[in-house]
Amino acid sequence: MMRNGLLVQWIKDMSEEVELLLSVCTGALVLAKAGLIDGMEATTHHTAFDELLAAAPSVRIIQDKKFVDNGKIILAAGVSAGIDMSLYVLTKIYGDDLAVGVSKYMEYDWDLEKIAATGGN
């Protein structure tokens, strides 16, 4: 995906129009290629930390959290961390009750207080 210039440009263009931009797993590499996370904190799949740093040398890689919130851009470490990030985003937009309800409906063991206190650690 990083080599797909049309996709990278589209993501860059759309980033200016969206309220939030989310990335799961190695999607962070595409955001790096688009120049969208320079100088920010970021995470990705644990096997891709070096590749992310090569794509965006000014990125501050956070290795011990499931997701990183930079305000507009939120990145999740891996696929399952994307669930935690998504529930977190629900709390940001709609509040705790909806996110907790969704996690219960999914039968996903999600600790809202822990996520809020640690940022996904």
PDB file of N, CA and C in Angstrom:
ATOM      1  N   MET A   1       0.812  -1.189   0.000  1.00  0.00           N
ATOM      2  CA  MET A   1       0.000   0.000   0.000  1.00  0.00           C
ATOM      3  C   MET A   1       0.864   1.265   0.000  1.00  0.00           C
ATOM      4  N   MET A   2       2.028   1.190   0.637  1.00  0.00           N
ATOM      5  CA  MET A   2       2.899   2.364   0.690  1.00  0.00           C
ATOM      6  C   MET A   2       3.384   2.758  -0.708  1.00  0.00           C
ATOM      7  N   ARG A   3       3.444   1.795  -1.614  1.00  0.00           N
ATOM      8  CA  ARG A   3       3.926   2.072  -2.965  1.00  0.00           C
ATOM      9  C   ARG A   3       2.803   2.516  -3.909  1.00  0.00           C
ATOM     10  N   ASN A   4       1.579   2.489  -3.417  1.00  0.00           N
ATOM     11  CA  ASN A   4       0.436   2.893  -4.233  1.00  0.00           C
ATOM     12  C   ASN A   4       0.256   4.406  -4.102  1.00  0.00           C
ATOM     13  N   GLY A   5       0.871   5.131  -5.038  1.00  0.00           N
ATOM     14  CA  GLY A   5       0.868   6.588  -4.976  1.00  0.00           C
ATOM     15  C   GLY A   5      -0.522   7.200  -4.970  1.00  0.00           C
ATOM     16  N   LEU A   6      -1.443   6.612  -5.717  1.00  0.00           N
ATOM     17  CA  LEU A   6      -2.812   7.133  -5.755  1.00  0.00           C
ATOM     18  C   LEU A   6      -3.481   6.990  -4.384  1.00  0.00           C
ATOM     19  N   LEU A   7      -3.295   5.851  -3.752  1.00  0.00           N
ATOM     20  CA  LEU A   7      -3.885   5.626  -2.429  1.00  0.00           C
ATOM     21  C   LEU A   7      -3.267   6.571  -1.398  1.00  0.00           C
ATOM     22  N   VAL A   8      -1.960   6.683  -1.401  1.00  0.00           N
ATOM     23  CA  VAL A   8      -1.275   7.554  -0.441  1.00  0.00           C
ATOM     24  C   VAL A   8      -1.740   8.994  -0.611  1.00  0.00           C
ATOM     25  N   GLN A   9      -1.847   9.447  -1.849  1.00  0.00           N
ATOM     26  CA  GLN A   9      -2.304  10.818  -2.097  1.00  0.00           C
ATOM     27  C   GLN A   9      -3.759  10.996  -1.677  1.00  0.00           C
ATOM     28  N   TRP A  10      -4.606   9.999  -1.939  1.00  0.00           N
ATOM     29  CA  TRP A  10      -6.014  10.077  -1.556  1.00  0.00           C
ATOM     30  C   TRP A  10      -6.148  10.194  -0.041  1.00  0.00           C
ATOM     31  N   ILE A  11      -5.370   9.375   0.695  1.00  0.00           N
ATOM     32  CA  ILE A  11      -5.411   9.445   2.162  1.00  0.00           C
ATOM     33  C   ILE A  11      -4.955  10.825   2.632  1.00  0.00           C
ATOM     34  N   LYS A  12      -3.905  11.338   2.021  1.00  0.00           N
ATOM     35  CA  LYS A  12      -3.420  12.676   2.383  1.00  0.00           C
ATOM     36  C   LYS A  12      -4.495  13.731   2.117  1.00  0.00           C
ATOM     37  N   ASP A  13      -5.133  13.659   0.961  1.00  0.00           N
ATOM     38  CA  ASP A  13      -6.189  14.608   0.619  1.00  0.00           C
ATOM     39  C   ASP A  13      -7.372  14.485   1.577  1.00  0.00           C
ATOM     40  N   MET A  14      -7.803  13.276   1.853  1.00  0.00           N
ATOM     41  CA  MET A  14      -8.956  13.048   2.724  1.00  0.00           C
ATOM     42  C   MET A  14      -8.664  13.444   4.169  1.00  0.00           C
ATOM     43  N   SER A  15      -7.394  13.391   4.554  1.00  0.00           N
ATOM     44  CA  SER A  15      -7.033  13.737   5.932  1.00  0.00           C
ATOM     45  C   SER A  15      -7.412  15.176   6.273  1.00  0.00           C
ATOM     46  N   GLU A  16      -7.488  16.004   5.250  1.00  0.00           N
ATOM     47  CA  GLU A  16      -7.863  17.405   5.468  1.00  0.00           C
ATOM     48  C   GLU A  16      -9.373  17.577   5.644  1.00  0.00           C
ATOM     49  N   GLU A  17     -10.140  16.568   5.270  1.00  0.00           N
ATOM     50  CA  GLU A  17     -11.594  16.669   5.308  1.00  0.00           C
ATOM     51  C   GLU A  17     -12.235  15.915   6.471  1.00  0.00           C
ATOM     52  N   VAL A  18     -11.512  15.015   7.104  1.00  0.00           N
ATOM     53  CA  VAL A  18     -12.101  14.179   8.147  1.00  0.00           C
ATOM     54  C   VAL A  18     -11.901  14.787   9.532  1.00  0.00           C
ATOM     55  N   GLU A  19     -12.814  14.453  10.419  1.00  0.00           N
ATOM     56  CA  GLU A  19     -12.698  14.909  11.807  1.00  0.00           C
ATOM     57  C   GLU A  19     -11.633  14.101  12.547  1.00  0.00           C
ATOM     58  N   LEU A  20     -11.626  12.798  12.322  1.00  0.00           N
ATOM     59  CA  LEU A  20     -10.639  11.900  12.921  1.00  0.00           C
ATOM     60  C   LEU A  20     -10.078  11.001  11.835  1.00  0.00           C
ATOM     61  N   LEU A  21      -8.807  10.673  11.962  1.00  0.00           N
ATOM     62  CA  LEU A  21      -8.154   9.747  11.047  1.00  0.00           C
ATOM     63  C   LEU A  21      -7.585   8.618  11.900  1.00  0.00           C
ATOM     64  N   LEU A  22      -8.071   7.403  11.658  1.00  0.00           N
ATOM     65  CA  LEU A  22      -7.660   6.254  12.461  1.00  0.00           C
ATOM     66  C   LEU A  22      -6.812   5.313  11.633  1.00  0.00           C
ATOM     67  N   SER A  23      -5.868   4.672  12.304  1.00  0.00           N
ATOM     68  CA  SER A  23      -5.009   3.695  11.650  1.00  0.00           C
ATOM     69  C   SER A  23      -4.899   2.467  12.537  1.00  0.00           C
ATOM     70  N   VAL A  24      -4.966   1.306  11.914  1.00  0.00           N
ATOM     71  CA  VAL A  24      -4.814   0.050  12.640  1.00  0.00           C
ATOM     72  C   VAL A  24      -3.621  -0.704  12.071  1.00  0.00           C
ATOM     73  N   CYS A  25      -2.777  -1.197  12.963  1.00  0.00           N
ATOM     74  CA  CYS A  25      -1.648  -2.052  12.606  1.00  0.00           C
ATOM     75  C   CYS A  25      -0.690  -1.302  11.669  1.00  0.00           C
ATOM     76  N   THR A  26      -0.298  -1.916  10.579  1.00  0.00           N
ATOM     77  CA  THR A  26       0.683  -1.305   9.690  1.00  0.00           C
ATOM     78  C   THR A  26       0.088  -0.228   8.784  1.00  0.00           C
ATOM     79  N   GLY A  27      -1.170   0.123   8.997  1.00  0.00           N
ATOM     80  CA  GLY A  27      -1.729   1.293   8.326  1.00  0.00           C
ATOM     81  C   GLY A  27      -0.933   2.542   8.680  1.00  0.00           C
ATOM     82  N   ALA A  28      -0.253   2.516   9.821  1.00  0.00           N
ATOM     83  CA  ALA A  28       0.596   3.642  10.214  1.00  0.00           C
ATOM     84  C   ALA A  28       1.693   3.908   9.188  1.00  0.00           C
ATOM     85  N   LEU A  29       2.128   2.868   8.503  1.00  0.00           N
ATOM     86  CA  LEU A  29       3.164   3.033   7.483  1.00  0.00           C
ATOM     87  C   LEU A  29       2.647   3.864   6.314  1.00  0.00           C
ATOM     88  N   VAL A  30       1.392   3.673   5.953  1.00  0.00           N
ATOM     89  CA  VAL A  30       0.794   4.455   4.870  1.00  0.00           C
ATOM     90  C   VAL A  30       0.643   5.910   5.297  1.00  0.00           C
ATOM     91  N   LEU A  31       0.233   6.116   6.544  1.00  0.00           N
ATOM     92  CA  LEU A  31       0.140   7.495   7.046  1.00  0.00           C
ATOM     93  C   LEU A  31       1.519   8.145   7.070  1.00  0.00           C
ATOM     94  N   ALA A  32       2.532   7.369   7.411  1.00  0.00           N
ATOM     95  CA  ALA A  32       3.903   7.895   7.402  1.00  0.00           C
ATOM     96  C   ALA A  32       4.318   8.272   5.988  1.00  0.00           C
ATOM     97  N   LYS A  33       4.032   7.413   5.043  1.00  0.00           N
ATOM     98  CA  LYS A  33       4.376   7.686   3.640  1.00  0.00           C
ATOM     99  C   LYS A  33       3.684   8.949   3.143  1.00  0.00           C
ATOM    100  N   ALA A  34       2.465   9.194   3.643  1.00  0.00           N
ATOM    101  CA  ALA A  34       1.720  10.392   3.253  1.00  0.00           C
ATOM    102  C   ALA A  34       2.205  11.634   3.993  1.00  0.00           C
ATOM    103  N   GLY A  35       3.143  11.467   4.927  1.00  0.00           N
ATOM    104  CA  GLY A  35       3.681  12.601   5.676  1.00  0.00           C
ATOM    105  C   GLY A  35       2.739  13.133   6.738  1.00  0.00           C
ATOM    106  N   LEU A  36       1.807  12.295   7.187  1.00  0.00           N
ATOM    107  CA  LEU A  36       0.778  12.757   8.110  1.00  0.00           C
ATOM    108  C   LEU A  36       1.131  12.610   9.582  1.00  0.00           C
ATOM    109  N   ILE A  37       2.171  11.843   9.901  1.00  0.00           N
ATOM    110  CA  ILE A  37       2.479  11.623  11.317  1.00  0.00           C
ATOM    111  C   ILE A  37       3.880  12.094  11.699  1.00  0.00           C
ATOM    112  N   ASP A  38       4.491  12.879  10.853  1.00  0.00           N
ATOM    113  CA  ASP A  38       5.823  13.411  11.163  1.00  0.00           C
ATOM    114  C   ASP A  38       5.792  14.165  12.493  1.00  0.00           C
ATOM    115  N   GLY A  39       6.728  13.846  13.366  1.00  0.00           N
ATOM    116  CA  GLY A  39       6.852  14.525  14.644  1.00  0.00           C
ATOM    117  C   GLY A  39       5.844  14.093  15.696  1.00  0.00           C
ATOM    118  N   MET A  40       4.960  13.178  15.358  1.00  0.00           N
ATOM    119  CA  MET A  40       3.931  12.734  16.306  1.00  0.00           C
ATOM    120  C   MET A  40       4.354  11.462  17.026  1.00  0.00           C
ATOM    121  N   GLU A  41       3.608  11.133  18.067  1.00  0.00           N
ATOM    122  CA  GLU A  41       3.725   9.821  18.681  1.00  0.00           C
ATOM    123  C   GLU A  41       2.950   8.854  17.800  1.00  0.00           C
ATOM    124  N   ALA A  42       3.460   7.633  17.669  1.00  0.00           N
ATOM    125  CA  ALA A  42       2.786   6.653  16.824  1.00  0.00           C
ATOM    126  C   ALA A  42       3.086   5.246  17.318  1.00  0.00           C
ATOM    127  N   THR A  43       2.227   4.343  16.909  1.00  0.00           N
ATOM    128  CA  THR A  43       2.466   2.934  17.146  1.00  0.00           C
ATOM    129  C   THR A  43       2.009   2.168  15.922  1.00  0.00           C
ATOM    130  N   THR A  44       2.404   0.926  15.858  1.00  0.00           N
ATOM    131  CA  THR A  44       2.049   0.028  14.762  1.00  0.00           C
ATOM    132  C   THR A  44       2.270  -1.390  15.275  1.00  0.00           C
ATOM    133  N   HIS A  45       2.116  -2.368  14.420  1.00  0.00           N
ATOM    134  CA  HIS A  45       2.386  -3.751  14.814  1.00  0.00           C
ATOM    135  C   HIS A  45       3.830  -3.855  15.293  1.00  0.00           C
ATOM    136  N   HIS A  46       4.041  -4.627  16.326  1.00  0.00           N
ATOM    137  CA  HIS A  46       5.381  -4.682  16.949  1.00  0.00           C
ATOM    138  C   HIS A  46       6.474  -5.134  15.998  1.00  0.00           C
ATOM    139  N   THR A  47       6.131  -5.830  14.923  1.00  0.00           N
ATOM    140  CA  THR A  47       7.157  -6.256  13.973  1.00  0.00           C
ATOM    141  C   THR A  47       7.509  -5.159  12.963  1.00  0.00           C
ATOM    142  N   ALA A  48       6.798  -4.032  13.003  1.00  0.00           N
ATOM    143  CA  ALA A  48       6.996  -2.988  11.998  1.00  0.00           C
ATOM    144  C   ALA A  48       7.533  -1.681  12.576  1.00  0.00           C
ATOM    145  N   PHE A  49       8.013  -1.691  13.826  1.00  0.00           N
ATOM    146  CA  PHE A  49       8.534  -0.464  14.421  1.00  0.00           C
ATOM    147  C   PHE A  49       9.688   0.115  13.599  1.00  0.00           C
ATOM    148  N   ASP A  50      10.626  -0.730  13.195  1.00  0.00           N
ATOM    149  CA  ASP A  50      11.776  -0.244  12.426  1.00  0.00           C
ATOM    150  C   ASP A  50      11.348   0.313  11.071  1.00  0.00           C
ATOM    151  N   GLU A  51      10.398  -0.364  10.433  1.00  0.00           N
ATOM    152  CA  GLU A  51       9.907   0.103   9.137  1.00  0.00           C
ATOM    153  C   GLU A  51       9.186   1.444   9.282  1.00  0.00           C
ATOM    154  N   LEU A  52       8.445   1.612  10.372  1.00  0.00           N
ATOM    155  CA  LEU A  52       7.765   2.885  10.613  1.00  0.00           C
ATOM    156  C   LEU A  52       8.786   3.998  10.826  1.00  0.00           C
ATOM    157  N   LEU A  53       9.807   3.729  11.597  1.00  0.00           N
ATOM    158  CA  LEU A  53      10.841   4.730  11.843  1.00  0.00           C
ATOM    159  C   LEU A  53      11.585   5.082  10.553  1.00  0.00           C
ATOM    160  N   ALA A  54      11.789   4.102   9.687  1.00  0.00           N
ATOM    161  CA  ALA A  54      12.439   4.373   8.396  1.00  0.00           C
ATOM    162  C   ALA A  54      11.550   5.256   7.511  1.00  0.00           C
ATOM    163  N   ALA A  55      10.232   5.048   7.592  1.00  0.00           N
ATOM    164  CA  ALA A  55       9.295   5.819   6.768  1.00  0.00           C
ATOM    165  C   ALA A  55       9.070   7.227   7.312  1.00  0.00           C
ATOM    166  N   ALA A  56       9.204   7.367   8.632  1.00  0.00           N
ATOM    167  CA  ALA A  56       8.980   8.673   9.271  1.00  0.00           C
ATOM    168  C   ALA A  56       9.976   8.830  10.414  1.00  0.00           C
ATOM    169  N   PRO A  57      11.192   9.236  10.102  1.00  0.00           N
ATOM    170  CA  PRO A  57      12.254   9.304  11.120  1.00  0.00           C
ATOM    171  C   PRO A  57      11.957  10.199  12.314  1.00  0.00           C
ATOM    172  N   SER A  58      11.072  11.182  12.151  1.00  0.00           N
ATOM    173  CA  SER A  58      10.784  12.082  13.264  1.00  0.00           C
ATOM    174  C   SER A  58       9.661  11.584  14.170  1.00  0.00           C
ATOM    175  N   VAL A  59       9.087  10.444  13.831  1.00  0.00           N
ATOM    176  CA  VAL A  59       8.017   9.856  14.648  1.00  0.00           C
ATOM    177  C   VAL A  59       8.594   9.368  15.970  1.00  0.00           C
ATOM    178  N   ARG A  60       7.827   9.547  17.047  1.00  0.00           N
ATOM    179  CA  ARG A  60       8.212   9.008  18.364  1.00  0.00           C
ATOM    180  C   ARG A  60       7.402   7.736  18.574  1.00  0.00           C
ATOM    181  N   ILE A  61       8.043   6.599  18.410  1.00  0.00           N
ATOM    182  CA  ILE A  61       7.349   5.313  18.492  1.00  0.00           C
ATOM    183  C   ILE A  61       7.038   4.980  19.948  1.00  0.00           C
ATOM    184  N   ILE A  62       5.788   4.658  20.190  1.00  0.00           N
ATOM    185  CA  ILE A  62       5.318   4.240  21.505  1.00  0.00           C
ATOM    186  C   ILE A  62       5.077   2.734  21.428  1.00  0.00           C
ATOM    187  N   GLN A  63       5.882   1.970  22.147  1.00  0.00           N
ATOM    188  CA  GLN A  63       5.831   0.518  22.036  1.00  0.00           C
ATOM    189  C   GLN A  63       4.957  -0.145  23.090  1.00  0.00           C
ATOM    190  N   ASP A  64       4.606   0.565  24.137  1.00  0.00           N
ATOM    191  CA  ASP A  64       3.942  -0.098  25.259  1.00  0.00           C
ATOM    192  C   ASP A  64       2.466   0.262  25.410  1.00  0.00           C
ATOM    193  N   LYS A  65       1.853   0.814  24.345  1.00  0.00           N
ATOM    194  CA  LYS A  65       0.431   1.141  24.396  1.00  0.00           C
ATOM    195  C   LYS A  65      -0.290   0.498  23.217  1.00  0.00           C
ATOM    196  N   LYS A  66      -1.542   0.178  23.424  1.00  0.00           N
ATOM    197  CA  LYS A  66      -2.338  -0.413  22.356  1.00  0.00           C
ATOM    198  C   LYS A  66      -2.699   0.608  21.292  1.00  0.00           C
ATOM    199  N   PHE A  67      -2.826   1.864  21.705  1.00  0.00           N
ATOM    200  CA  PHE A  67      -3.111   2.914  20.739  1.00  0.00           C
ATOM    201  C   PHE A  67      -2.552   4.227  21.242  1.00  0.00           C
ATOM    202  N   VAL A  68      -2.384   5.164  20.316  1.00  0.00           N
ATOM    203  CA  VAL A  68      -1.842   6.486  20.617  1.00  0.00           C
ATOM    204  C   VAL A  68      -2.793   7.523  20.028  1.00  0.00           C
ATOM    205  N   ASP A  69      -3.200   8.486  20.859  1.00  0.00           N
ATOM    206  CA  ASP A  69      -4.123   9.541  20.438  1.00  0.00           C
ATOM    207  C   ASP A  69      -3.354  10.846  20.289  1.00  0.00           C
ATOM    208  N   ASN A  70      -3.279  11.334  19.051  1.00  0.00           N
ATOM    209  CA  ASN A  70      -2.636  12.617  18.755  1.00  0.00           C
ATOM    210  C   ASN A  70      -3.658  13.714  18.523  1.00  0.00           C
ATOM    211  N   GLY A  71      -4.877  13.487  18.953  1.00  0.00           N
ATOM    212  CA  GLY A  71      -5.939  14.459  18.709  1.00  0.00           C
ATOM    213  C   GLY A  71      -6.751  14.051  17.504  1.00  0.00           C
ATOM    214  N   LYS A  72      -6.325  14.482  16.332  1.00  0.00           N
ATOM    215  CA  LYS A  72      -7.030  14.130  15.104  1.00  0.00           C
ATOM    216  C   LYS A  72      -6.634  12.747  14.589  1.00  0.00           C
ATOM    217  N   ILE A  73      -5.391  12.373  14.784  1.00  0.00           N
ATOM    218  CA  ILE A  73      -4.892  11.094  14.280  1.00  0.00           C
ATOM    219  C   ILE A  73      -4.668  10.144  15.449  1.00  0.00           C
ATOM    220  N   ILE A  74      -5.304   8.980  15.359  1.00  0.00           N
ATOM    221  CA  ILE A  74      -5.209   7.964  16.405  1.00  0.00           C
ATOM    222  C   ILE A  74      -4.746   6.672  15.743  1.00  0.00           C
ATOM    223  N   LEU A  75      -3.712   6.059  16.306  1.00  0.00           N
ATOM    224  CA  LEU A  75      -3.125   4.870  15.713  1.00  0.00           C
ATOM    225  C   LEU A  75      -3.170   3.706  16.696  1.00  0.00           C
ATOM    226  N   ALA A  76      -3.549   2.523  16.209  1.00  0.00           N
ATOM    227  CA  ALA A  76      -3.596   1.319  17.027  1.00  0.00           C
ATOM    228  C   ALA A  76      -2.421   0.410  16.671  1.00  0.00           C
ATOM    229  N   ALA A  77      -1.918  -0.296  17.669  1.00  0.00           N
ATOM    230  CA  ALA A  77      -0.735  -1.131  17.489  1.00  0.00           C
ATOM    231  C   ALA A  77      -0.972  -2.304  16.545  1.00  0.00           C
ATOM    232  N   GLY A  78      -2.010  -3.052  16.757  1.00  0.00           N
ATOM    233  CA  GLY A  78      -2.285  -4.218  15.930  1.00  0.00           C
ATOM    234  C   GLY A  78      -3.780  -4.403  15.771  1.00  0.00           C
ATOM    235  N   VAL A  79      -4.159  -5.484  15.126  1.00  0.00           N
ATOM    236  CA  VAL A  79      -5.561  -5.709  14.794  1.00  0.00           C
ATOM    237  C   VAL A  79      -6.447  -5.710  16.039  1.00  0.00           C
ATOM    238  N   SER A  80      -6.082  -6.480  17.051  1.00  0.00           N
ATOM    239  CA  SER A  80      -6.934  -6.516  18.246  1.00  0.00           C
ATOM    240  C   SER A  80      -6.882  -5.195  19.002  1.00  0.00           C
ATOM    241  N   ALA A  81      -5.776  -4.491  18.931  1.00  0.00           N
ATOM    242  CA  ALA A  81      -5.683  -3.167  19.552  1.00  0.00           C
ATOM    243  C   ALA A  81      -6.626  -2.188  18.859  1.00  0.00           C
ATOM    244  N   GLY A  82      -6.970  -2.471  17.619  1.00  0.00           N
ATOM    245  CA  GLY A  82      -7.926  -1.648  16.898  1.00  0.00           C
ATOM    246  C   GLY A  82      -9.301  -1.661  17.541  1.00  0.00           C
ATOM    247  N   ILE A  83      -9.644  -2.754  18.212  1.00  0.00           N
ATOM    248  CA  ILE A  83     -10.922  -2.817  18.927  1.00  0.00           C
ATOM    249  C   ILE A  83     -10.891  -1.848  20.096  1.00  0.00           C
ATOM    250  N   ASP A  84      -9.804  -1.872  20.861  1.00  0.00           N
ATOM    251  CA  ASP A  84      -9.676  -0.944  21.983  1.00  0.00           C
ATOM    252  C   ASP A  84      -9.709   0.500  21.504  1.00  0.00           C
ATOM    253  N   MET A  85      -9.000   0.771  20.411  1.00  0.00           N
ATOM    254  CA  MET A  85      -8.988   2.122  19.869  1.00  0.00           C
ATOM    255  C   MET A  85     -10.392   2.537  19.433  1.00  0.00           C
ATOM    256  N   SER A  86     -11.097   1.655  18.776  1.00  0.00           N
ATOM    257  CA  SER A  86     -12.441   1.974  18.301  1.00  0.00           C
ATOM    258  C   SER A  86     -13.390   2.262  19.453  1.00  0.00           C
ATOM    259  N   LEU A  87     -13.320   1.472  20.500  1.00  0.00           N
ATOM    260  CA  LEU A  87     -14.161   1.723  21.669  1.00  0.00           C
ATOM    261  C   LEU A  87     -13.768   3.046  22.333  1.00  0.00           C
ATOM    262  N   TYR A  88     -12.487   3.326  22.371  1.00  0.00           N
ATOM    263  CA  TYR A  88     -12.000   4.593  22.901  1.00  0.00           C
ATOM    264  C   TYR A  88     -12.576   5.766  22.098  1.00  0.00           C
ATOM    265  N   VAL A  89     -12.565   5.637  20.778  1.00  0.00           N
ATOM    266  CA  VAL A  89     -13.093   6.700  19.922  1.00  0.00           C
ATOM    267  C   VAL A  89     -14.591   6.876  20.169  1.00  0.00           C
ATOM    268  N   LEU A  90     -15.300   5.783  20.396  1.00  0.00           N
ATOM    269  CA  LEU A  90     -16.722   5.913  20.736  1.00  0.00           C
ATOM    270  C   LEU A  90     -16.911   6.748  21.995  1.00  0.00           C
ATOM    271  N   THR A  91     -16.015   6.574  22.982  1.00  0.00           N
ATOM    272  CA  THR A  91     -16.134   7.377  24.199  1.00  0.00           C
ATOM    273  C   THR A  91     -15.886   8.847  23.891  1.00  0.00           C
ATOM    274  N   LYS A  92     -14.949   9.132  23.004  1.00  0.00           N
ATOM    275  CA  LYS A  92     -14.643  10.522  22.641  1.00  0.00           C
ATOM    276  C   LYS A  92     -15.828  11.202  21.957  1.00  0.00           C
ATOM    277  N   ILE A  93     -16.505  10.447  21.102  1.00  0.00           N
ATOM    278  CA  ILE A  93     -17.576  11.038  20.299  1.00  0.00           C
ATOM    279  C   ILE A  93     -18.934  10.956  20.992  1.00  0.00           C
ATOM    280  N   TYR A  94     -19.232   9.793  21.559  1.00  0.00           N
ATOM    281  CA  TYR A  94     -20.586   9.545  22.062  1.00  0.00           C
ATOM    282  C   TYR A  94     -20.682   9.341  23.572  1.00  0.00           C
ATOM    283  N   GLY A  95     -19.545   9.200  24.240  1.00  0.00           N
ATOM    284  CA  GLY A  95     -19.568   9.022  25.684  1.00  0.00           C
ATOM    285  C   GLY A  95     -19.363   7.581  26.121  1.00  0.00           C
ATOM    286  N   ASP A  96     -19.107   7.459  27.408  1.00  0.00           N
ATOM    287  CA  ASP A  96     -18.763   6.161  27.996  1.00  0.00           C
ATOM    288  C   ASP A  96     -19.860   5.116  27.862  1.00  0.00           C
ATOM    289  N   ASP A  97     -21.104   5.518  28.069  1.00  0.00           N
ATOM    290  CA  ASP A  97     -22.196   4.547  28.093  1.00  0.00           C
ATOM    291  C   ASP A  97     -22.307   3.768  26.794  1.00  0.00           C
ATOM    292  N   LEU A  98     -22.203   4.450  25.677  1.00  0.00           N
ATOM    293  CA  LEU A  98     -22.305   3.760  24.392  1.00  0.00           C
ATOM    294  C   LEU A  98     -21.140   2.795  24.203  1.00  0.00           C
ATOM    295  N   ALA A  99     -19.940   3.237  24.501  1.00  0.00           N
ATOM    296  CA  ALA A  99     -18.768   2.379  24.318  1.00  0.00           C
ATOM    297  C   ALA A  99     -18.846   1.140  25.205  1.00  0.00           C
ATOM    298  N   VAL A 100     -19.257   1.322  26.443  1.00  0.00           N
ATOM    299  CA  VAL A 100     -19.389   0.182  27.350  1.00  0.00           C
ATOM    300  C   VAL A 100     -20.480  -0.754  26.833  1.00  0.00           C
ATOM    301  N   GLY A 101     -21.582  -0.187  26.369  1.00  0.00           N
ATOM    302  CA  GLY A 101     -22.657  -1.014  25.819  1.00  0.00           C
ATOM    303  C   GLY A 101     -22.215  -1.809  24.608  1.00  0.00           C
ATOM    304  N   VAL A 102     -21.465  -1.184  23.716  1.00  0.00           N
ATOM    305  CA  VAL A 102     -20.962  -1.876  22.529  1.00  0.00           C
ATOM    306  C   VAL A 102     -20.016  -2.997  22.947  1.00  0.00           C
ATOM    307  N   SER A 103     -19.135  -2.723  23.898  1.00  0.00           N
ATOM    308  CA  SER A 103     -18.188  -3.768  24.328  1.00  0.00           C
ATOM    309  C   SER A 103     -18.929  -4.950  24.944  1.00  0.00           C
ATOM    310  N   LYS A 104     -19.974  -4.685  25.695  1.00  0.00           N
ATOM    311  CA  LYS A 104     -20.762  -5.785  26.274  1.00  0.00           C
ATOM    312  C   LYS A 104     -21.497  -6.556  25.187  1.00  0.00           C
ATOM    313  N   TYR A 105     -22.064  -5.850  24.227  1.00  0.00           N
ATOM    314  CA  TYR A 105     -22.762  -6.504  23.131  1.00  0.00           C
ATOM    315  C   TYR A 105     -21.804  -7.416  22.361  1.00  0.00           C
ATOM    316  N   MET A 106     -20.588  -6.963  22.156  1.00  0.00           N
ATOM    317  CA  MET A 106     -19.567  -7.735  21.446  1.00  0.00           C
ATOM    318  C   MET A 106     -19.006  -8.871  22.294  1.00  0.00           C
ATOM    319  N   GLU A 107     -19.321  -8.864  23.585  1.00  0.00           N
ATOM    320  CA  GLU A 107     -18.730  -9.790  24.545  1.00  0.00           C
ATOM    321  C   GLU A 107     -17.210  -9.623  24.564  1.00  0.00           C
ATOM    322  N   TYR A 108     -16.803  -8.349  24.549  1.00  0.00           N
ATOM    323  CA  TYR A 108     -15.384  -7.999  24.570  1.00  0.00           C
ATOM    324  C   TYR A 108     -15.046  -7.450  25.947  1.00  0.00           C
ATOM    325  N   ASP A 109     -14.074  -8.046  26.591  1.00  0.00           N
ATOM    326  CA  ASP A 109     -13.666  -7.631  27.929  1.00  0.00           C
ATOM    327  C   ASP A 109     -12.861  -6.338  27.806  1.00  0.00           C
ATOM    328  N   TRP A 110     -13.545  -5.234  28.070  1.00  0.00           N
ATOM    329  CA  TRP A 110     -12.928  -3.919  27.888  1.00  0.00           C
ATOM    330  C   TRP A 110     -13.056  -3.135  29.173  1.00  0.00           C
ATOM    331  N   ASP A 111     -11.939  -2.652  29.670  1.00  0.00           N
ATOM    332  CA  ASP A 111     -11.909  -1.912  30.933  1.00  0.00           C
ATOM    333  C   ASP A 111     -11.782  -0.426  30.624  1.00  0.00           C
ATOM    334  N   LEU A 112     -12.911   0.271  30.613  1.00  0.00           N
ATOM    335  CA  LEU A 112     -12.949   1.689  30.280  1.00  0.00           C
ATOM    336  C   LEU A 112     -12.019   2.506  31.174  1.00  0.00           C
ATOM    337  N   GLU A 113     -12.046   2.251  32.468  1.00  0.00           N
ATOM    338  CA  GLU A 113     -11.217   3.037  33.387  1.00  0.00           C
ATOM    339  C   GLU A 113      -9.736   2.836  33.106  1.00  0.00           C
ATOM    340  N   LYS A 114      -9.348   1.598  32.828  1.00  0.00           N
ATOM    341  CA  LYS A 114      -7.939   1.329  32.528  1.00  0.00           C
ATOM    342  C   LYS A 114      -7.536   2.011  31.221  1.00  0.00           C
ATOM    343  N   ILE A 115      -8.366   1.895  30.214  1.00  0.00           N
ATOM    344  CA  ILE A 115      -8.049   2.506  28.922  1.00  0.00           C
ATOM    345  C   ILE A 115      -7.937   4.024  29.066  1.00  0.00           C
ATOM    346  N   ALA A 116      -8.882   4.624  29.760  1.00  0.00           N
ATOM    347  CA  ALA A 116      -8.864   6.080  29.939  1.00  0.00           C
ATOM    348  C   ALA A 116      -7.631   6.522  30.727  1.00  0.00           C
ATOM    349  N   ALA A 117      -7.249   5.754  31.718  1.00  0.00           N
ATOM    350  CA  ALA A 117      -6.132   6.148  32.578  1.00  0.00           C
ATOM    351  C   ALA A 117      -4.770   5.922  31.913  1.00  0.00           C
ATOM    352  N   THR A 118      -4.673   4.921  31.059  1.00  0.00           N
ATOM    353  CA  THR A 118      -3.369   4.554  30.514  1.00  0.00           C
ATOM    354  C   THR A 118      -3.220   4.808  29.034  1.00  0.00           C
ATOM    355  N   GLY A 119      -4.284   5.212  28.375  1.00  0.00           N
ATOM    356  CA  GLY A 119      -4.190   5.430  26.933  1.00  0.00           C
ATOM    357  C   GLY A 119      -3.971   4.146  26.168  1.00  0.00           C
ATOM    358  N   GLY A 120      -4.501   3.065  26.685  1.00  0.00           N
ATOM    359  CA  GLY A 120      -4.403   1.805  25.968  1.00  0.00           C
ATOM    360  C   GLY A 120      -3.240   0.938  26.385  1.00  0.00           C
ATOM    361  N   ASN A 121      -2.606   1.268  27.483  1.00  0.00           N
ATOM    362  CA  ASN A 121      -1.467   0.488  27.936  1.00  0.00           C
ATOM    363  C   ASN A 121      -1.905  -0.826  28.525  1.00  0.00           C
TER     364      ASN A 121
END
